[in-house]
Amino acid sequence: MRILKTHKEPDDCAVYRFILKKESEGKTKKASKIAGLNKFLRIYYARVMEVYSVTN
């Protein structure tokens, strides 16, 4: 999450924008990054399950 914030905005920026949104809502930087990590894991899990449900 730290590296995501130090580089320019990525093309697939849902997590990046989510972190910025949480920071603008007043959350601490650490809490924003952890919330971003949780969002990333939810997206990743959904994509993995989508692949496995198609093949099964």
PDB file of N, CA and C in Angstrom:
ATOM      1  N   MET A   1       0.824  -1.171   0.000  1.00  0.00           N
ATOM      2  CA  MET A   1       0.000   0.000   0.000  1.00  0.00           C
ATOM      3  C   MET A   1       0.882   1.252   0.000  1.00  0.00           C
ATOM      4  N   ARG A   2       2.010   1.194   0.664  1.00  0.00           N
ATOM      5  CA  ARG A   2       2.908   2.343   0.709  1.00  0.00           C
ATOM      6  C   ARG A   2       3.429   2.669  -0.688  1.00  0.00           C
ATOM      7  N   ILE A   3       3.811   1.646  -1.438  1.00  0.00           N
ATOM      8  CA  ILE A   3       4.340   1.844  -2.777  1.00  0.00           C
ATOM      9  C   ILE A   3       3.245   2.368  -3.698  1.00  0.00           C
ATOM     10  N   LEU A   4       2.035   1.918  -3.508  1.00  0.00           N
ATOM     11  CA  LEU A   4       0.917   2.383  -4.320  1.00  0.00           C
ATOM     12  C   LEU A   4       0.757   3.886  -4.178  1.00  0.00           C
ATOM     13  N   LYS A   5       0.957   4.406  -2.971  1.00  0.00           N
ATOM     14  CA  LYS A   5       0.802   5.834  -2.725  1.00  0.00           C
ATOM     15  C   LYS A   5       2.000   6.653  -3.209  1.00  0.00           C
ATOM     16  N   THR A   6       3.192   6.066  -3.293  1.00  0.00           N
ATOM     17  CA  THR A   6       4.378   6.841  -3.653  1.00  0.00           C
ATOM     18  C   THR A   6       4.563   6.983  -5.155  1.00  0.00           C
ATOM     19  N   HIS A   7       3.914   6.158  -5.955  1.00  0.00           N
ATOM     20  CA  HIS A   7       4.026   6.237  -7.411  1.00  0.00           C
ATOM     21  C   HIS A   7       2.819   6.973  -7.986  1.00  0.00           C
ATOM     22  N   LYS A   8       2.892   7.264  -9.285  1.00  0.00           N
ATOM     23  CA  LYS A   8       1.762   7.942  -9.933  1.00  0.00           C
ATOM     24  C   LYS A   8       0.533   7.050  -9.930  1.00  0.00           C
ATOM     25  N   GLU A   9      -0.619   7.654 -10.195  1.00  0.00           N
ATOM     26  CA  GLU A   9      -1.889   6.918 -10.169  1.00  0.00           C
ATOM     27  C   GLU A   9      -1.879   5.804 -11.213  1.00  0.00           C
ATOM     28  N   PRO A  10      -2.135   4.567 -10.802  1.00  0.00           N
ATOM     29  CA  PRO A  10      -2.124   3.439 -11.744  1.00  0.00           C
ATOM     30  C   PRO A  10      -3.363   3.437 -12.641  1.00  0.00           C
ATOM     31  N   ASP A  11      -3.301   2.627 -13.704  1.00  0.00           N
ATOM     32  CA  ASP A  11      -4.432   2.528 -14.632  1.00  0.00           C
ATOM     33  C   ASP A  11      -5.650   1.916 -13.947  1.00  0.00           C
ATOM     34  N   ASP A  12      -5.442   0.830 -13.206  1.00  0.00           N
ATOM     35  CA  ASP A  12      -6.516   0.172 -12.462  1.00  0.00           C
ATOM     36  C   ASP A  12      -6.474   0.741 -11.047  1.00  0.00           C
ATOM     37  N   CYS A  13      -7.167   1.844 -10.834  1.00  0.00           N
ATOM     38  CA  CYS A  13      -6.921   2.644  -9.638  1.00  0.00           C
ATOM     39  C   CYS A  13      -8.042   2.596  -8.600  1.00  0.00           C
ATOM     40  N   ALA A  14      -8.814   1.546  -8.552  1.00  0.00           N
ATOM     41  CA  ALA A  14      -9.913   1.484  -7.582  1.00  0.00           C
ATOM     42  C   ALA A  14      -9.391   1.546  -6.150  1.00  0.00           C
ATOM     43  N   VAL A  15      -8.329   0.815  -5.863  1.00  0.00           N
ATOM     44  CA  VAL A  15      -7.773   0.791  -4.508  1.00  0.00           C
ATOM     45  C   VAL A  15      -7.109   2.128  -4.186  1.00  0.00           C
ATOM     46  N   TYR A  16      -6.383   2.679  -5.153  1.00  0.00           N
ATOM     47  CA  TYR A  16      -5.704   3.966  -4.964  1.00  0.00           C
ATOM     48  C   TYR A  16      -6.712   5.061  -4.624  1.00  0.00           C
ATOM     49  N   ARG A  17      -7.789   5.131  -5.388  1.00  0.00           N
ATOM     50  CA  ARG A  17      -8.820   6.146  -5.131  1.00  0.00           C
ATOM     51  C   ARG A  17      -9.532   5.901  -3.810  1.00  0.00           C
ATOM     52  N   PHE A  18      -9.694   4.639  -3.441  1.00  0.00           N
ATOM     53  CA  PHE A  18     -10.329   4.306  -2.163  1.00  0.00           C
ATOM     54  C   PHE A  18      -9.483   4.810  -0.996  1.00  0.00           C
ATOM     55  N   ILE A  19      -8.159   4.635  -1.104  1.00  0.00           N
ATOM     56  CA  ILE A  19      -7.259   5.119  -0.052  1.00  0.00           C
ATOM     57  C   ILE A  19      -7.351   6.635   0.056  1.00  0.00           C
ATOM     58  N   LEU A  20      -7.328   7.324  -1.074  1.00  0.00           N
ATOM     59  CA  LEU A  20      -7.437   8.785  -1.063  1.00  0.00           C
ATOM     60  C   LEU A  20      -8.769   9.237  -0.473  1.00  0.00           C
ATOM     61  N   LYS A  21      -9.840   8.506  -0.778  1.00  0.00           N
ATOM     62  CA  LYS A  21     -11.159   8.845  -0.242  1.00  0.00           C
ATOM     63  C   LYS A  21     -11.180   8.717   1.271  1.00  0.00           C
ATOM     64  N   LYS A  22     -10.592   7.626   1.783  1.00  0.00           N
ATOM     65  CA  LYS A  22     -10.563   7.415   3.228  1.00  0.00           C
ATOM     66  C   LYS A  22      -9.729   8.490   3.920  1.00  0.00           C
ATOM     67  N   GLU A  23      -8.619   8.902   3.288  1.00  0.00           N
ATOM     68  CA  GLU A  23      -7.803   9.969   3.874  1.00  0.00           C
ATOM     69  C   GLU A  23      -8.570  11.284   3.889  1.00  0.00           C
ATOM     70  N   SER A  24      -9.337  11.548   2.837  1.00  0.00           N
ATOM     71  CA  SER A  24     -10.109  12.791   2.790  1.00  0.00           C
ATOM     72  C   SER A  24     -11.256  12.775   3.797  1.00  0.00           C
ATOM     73  N   GLU A  25     -11.700  11.579   4.192  1.00  0.00           N
ATOM     74  CA  GLU A  25     -12.757  11.464   5.203  1.00  0.00           C
ATOM     75  C   GLU A  25     -12.220  11.697   6.610  1.00  0.00           C
ATOM     76  N   GLY A  26     -10.896  11.796   6.741  1.00  0.00           N
ATOM     77  CA  GLY A  26     -10.314  12.097   8.041  1.00  0.00           C
ATOM     78  C   GLY A  26      -9.647  10.923   8.726  1.00  0.00           C
ATOM     79  N   LYS A  27      -9.577   9.774   8.078  1.00  0.00           N
ATOM     80  CA  LYS A  27      -8.901   8.627   8.676  1.00  0.00           C
ATOM     81  C   LYS A  27      -7.390   8.864   8.641  1.00  0.00           C
ATOM     82  N   THR A  28      -6.687   8.229   9.550  1.00  0.00           N
ATOM     83  CA  THR A  28      -5.230   8.348   9.551  1.00  0.00           C
ATOM     84  C   THR A  28      -4.666   7.630   8.333  1.00  0.00           C
ATOM     85  N   LYS A  29      -3.427   7.939   7.998  1.00  0.00           N
ATOM     86  CA  LYS A  29      -2.799   7.309   6.833  1.00  0.00           C
ATOM     87  C   LYS A  29      -2.712   5.800   7.016  1.00  0.00           C
ATOM     88  N   LYS A  30      -2.392   5.364   8.216  1.00  0.00           N
ATOM     89  CA  LYS A  30      -2.280   3.929   8.480  1.00  0.00           C
ATOM     90  C   LYS A  30      -3.638   3.245   8.322  1.00  0.00           C
ATOM     91  N   ALA A  31      -4.677   3.833   8.879  1.00  0.00           N
ATOM     92  CA  ALA A  31      -6.020   3.254   8.765  1.00  0.00           C
ATOM     93  C   ALA A  31      -6.489   3.241   7.311  1.00  0.00           C
ATOM     94  N   SER A  32      -6.147   4.283   6.561  1.00  0.00           N
ATOM     95  CA  SER A  32      -6.518   4.342   5.146  1.00  0.00           C
ATOM     96  C   SER A  32      -5.836   3.240   4.354  1.00  0.00           C
ATOM     97  N   LYS A  33      -4.557   2.999   4.647  1.00  0.00           N
ATOM     98  CA  LYS A  33      -3.817   1.954   3.934  1.00  0.00           C
ATOM     99  C   LYS A  33      -4.351   0.567   4.275  1.00  0.00           C
ATOM    100  N   ILE A  34      -4.722   0.355   5.520  1.00  0.00           N
ATOM    101  CA  ILE A  34      -5.278  -0.941   5.919  1.00  0.00           C
ATOM    102  C   ILE A  34      -6.643  -1.143   5.260  1.00  0.00           C
ATOM    103  N   ALA A  35      -7.447  -0.087   5.185  1.00  0.00           N
ATOM    104  CA  ALA A  35      -8.738  -0.182   4.496  1.00  0.00           C
ATOM    105  C   ALA A  35      -8.520  -0.475   3.016  1.00  0.00           C
ATOM    106  N   GLY A  36      -7.505   0.139   2.426  1.00  0.00           N
ATOM    107  CA  GLY A  36      -7.170  -0.129   1.029  1.00  0.00           C
ATOM    108  C   GLY A  36      -6.716  -1.560   0.816  1.00  0.00           C
ATOM    109  N   LEU A  37      -5.945  -2.075   1.765  1.00  0.00           N
ATOM    110  CA  LEU A  37      -5.498  -3.466   1.690  1.00  0.00           C
ATOM    111  C   LEU A  37      -6.696  -4.408   1.738  1.00  0.00           C
ATOM    112  N   ASN A  38      -7.636  -4.147   2.624  1.00  0.00           N
ATOM    113  CA  ASN A  38      -8.839  -4.977   2.712  1.00  0.00           C
ATOM    114  C   ASN A  38      -9.647  -4.919   1.417  1.00  0.00           C
ATOM    115  N   LYS A  39      -9.751  -3.744   0.820  1.00  0.00           N
ATOM    116  CA  LYS A  39     -10.470  -3.622  -0.452  1.00  0.00           C
ATOM    117  C   LYS A  39      -9.744  -4.416  -1.536  1.00  0.00           C
ATOM    118  N   PHE A  40      -8.407  -4.310  -1.580  1.00  0.00           N
ATOM    119  CA  PHE A  40      -7.632  -5.062  -2.555  1.00  0.00           C
ATOM    120  C   PHE A  40      -7.874  -6.558  -2.399  1.00  0.00           C
ATOM    121  N   LEU A  41      -7.879  -7.055  -1.162  1.00  0.00           N
ATOM    122  CA  LEU A  41      -8.094  -8.481  -0.933  1.00  0.00           C
ATOM    123  C   LEU A  41      -9.488  -8.927  -1.371  1.00  0.00           C
ATOM    124  N   ARG A  42     -10.496  -8.081  -1.142  1.00  0.00           N
ATOM    125  CA  ARG A  42     -11.852  -8.424  -1.588  1.00  0.00           C
ATOM    126  C   ARG A  42     -11.928  -8.500  -3.115  1.00  0.00           C
ATOM    127  N   ILE A  43     -11.285  -7.545  -3.789  1.00  0.00           N
ATOM    128  CA  ILE A  43     -11.272  -7.549  -5.260  1.00  0.00           C
ATOM    129  C   ILE A  43     -10.530  -8.780  -5.767  1.00  0.00           C
ATOM    130  N   TYR A  44      -9.367  -9.066  -5.188  1.00  0.00           N
ATOM    131  CA  TYR A  44      -8.552 -10.201  -5.605  1.00  0.00           C
ATOM    132  C   TYR A  44      -9.316 -11.512  -5.418  1.00  0.00           C
ATOM    133  N   TYR A  45      -9.948 -11.677  -4.258  1.00  0.00           N
ATOM    134  CA  TYR A  45     -10.709 -12.890  -3.964  1.00  0.00           C
ATOM    135  C   TYR A  45     -11.852 -13.065  -4.964  1.00  0.00           C
ATOM    136  N   ALA A  46     -12.553 -11.979  -5.274  1.00  0.00           N
ATOM    137  CA  ALA A  46     -13.665 -12.064  -6.220  1.00  0.00           C
ATOM    138  C   ALA A  46     -13.176 -12.489  -7.603  1.00  0.00           C
ATOM    139  N   ARG A  47     -12.037 -11.951  -8.031  1.00  0.00           N
ATOM    140  CA  ARG A  47     -11.504 -12.315  -9.349  1.00  0.00           C
ATOM    141  C   ARG A  47     -11.031 -13.762  -9.383  1.00  0.00           C
ATOM    142  N   VAL A  48     -10.419 -14.225  -8.312  1.00  0.00           N
ATOM    143  CA  VAL A  48      -9.971 -15.620  -8.257  1.00  0.00           C
ATOM    144  C   VAL A  48     -11.168 -16.554  -8.261  1.00  0.00           C
ATOM    145  N   MET A  49     -12.175 -16.248  -7.490  1.00  0.00           N
ATOM    146  CA  MET A  49     -13.364 -17.091  -7.441  1.00  0.00           C
ATOM    147  C   MET A  49     -14.099 -17.096  -8.780  1.00  0.00           C
ATOM    148  N   GLU A  50     -14.052 -15.977  -9.489  1.00  0.00           N
ATOM    149  CA  GLU A  50     -14.667 -15.895 -10.814  1.00  0.00           C
ATOM    150  C   GLU A  50     -13.973 -16.863 -11.776  1.00  0.00           C
ATOM    151  N   VAL A  51     -12.672 -16.955 -11.710  1.00  0.00           N
ATOM    152  CA  VAL A  51     -11.905 -17.854 -12.580  1.00  0.00           C
ATOM    153  C   VAL A  51     -12.213 -19.302 -12.225  1.00  0.00           C
ATOM    154  N   TYR A  52     -12.228 -19.620 -10.934  1.00  0.00           N
ATOM    155  CA  TYR A  52     -12.471 -20.994 -10.518  1.00  0.00           C
ATOM    156  C   TYR A  52     -13.904 -21.441 -10.741  1.00  0.00           C
ATOM    157  N   SER A  53     -14.856 -20.538 -10.661  1.00  0.00           N
ATOM    158  CA  SER A  53     -16.244 -20.931 -10.879  1.00  0.00           C
ATOM    159  C   SER A  53     -16.528 -21.183 -12.358  1.00  0.00           C
ATOM    160  N   VAL A  54     -15.775 -20.551 -13.229  1.00  0.00           N
ATOM    161  CA  VAL A  54     -15.953 -20.765 -14.670  1.00  0.00           C
ATOM    162  C   VAL A  54     -15.377 -22.112 -15.079  1.00  0.00           C
ATOM    163  N   THR A  55     -14.251 -22.504 -14.505  1.00  0.00           N
ATOM    164  CA  THR A  55     -13.605 -23.757 -14.886  1.00  0.00           C
ATOM    165  C   THR A  55     -14.268 -24.974 -14.260  1.00  0.00           C
ATOM    166  N   ASN A  56     -14.997 -24.817 -13.178  1.00  0.00           N
ATOM    167  CA  ASN A  56     -15.612 -25.964 -12.504  1.00  0.00           C
ATOM    168  C   ASN A  56     -16.974 -26.243 -13.008  1.00  0.00           C
TER     169      ASN A  56
END
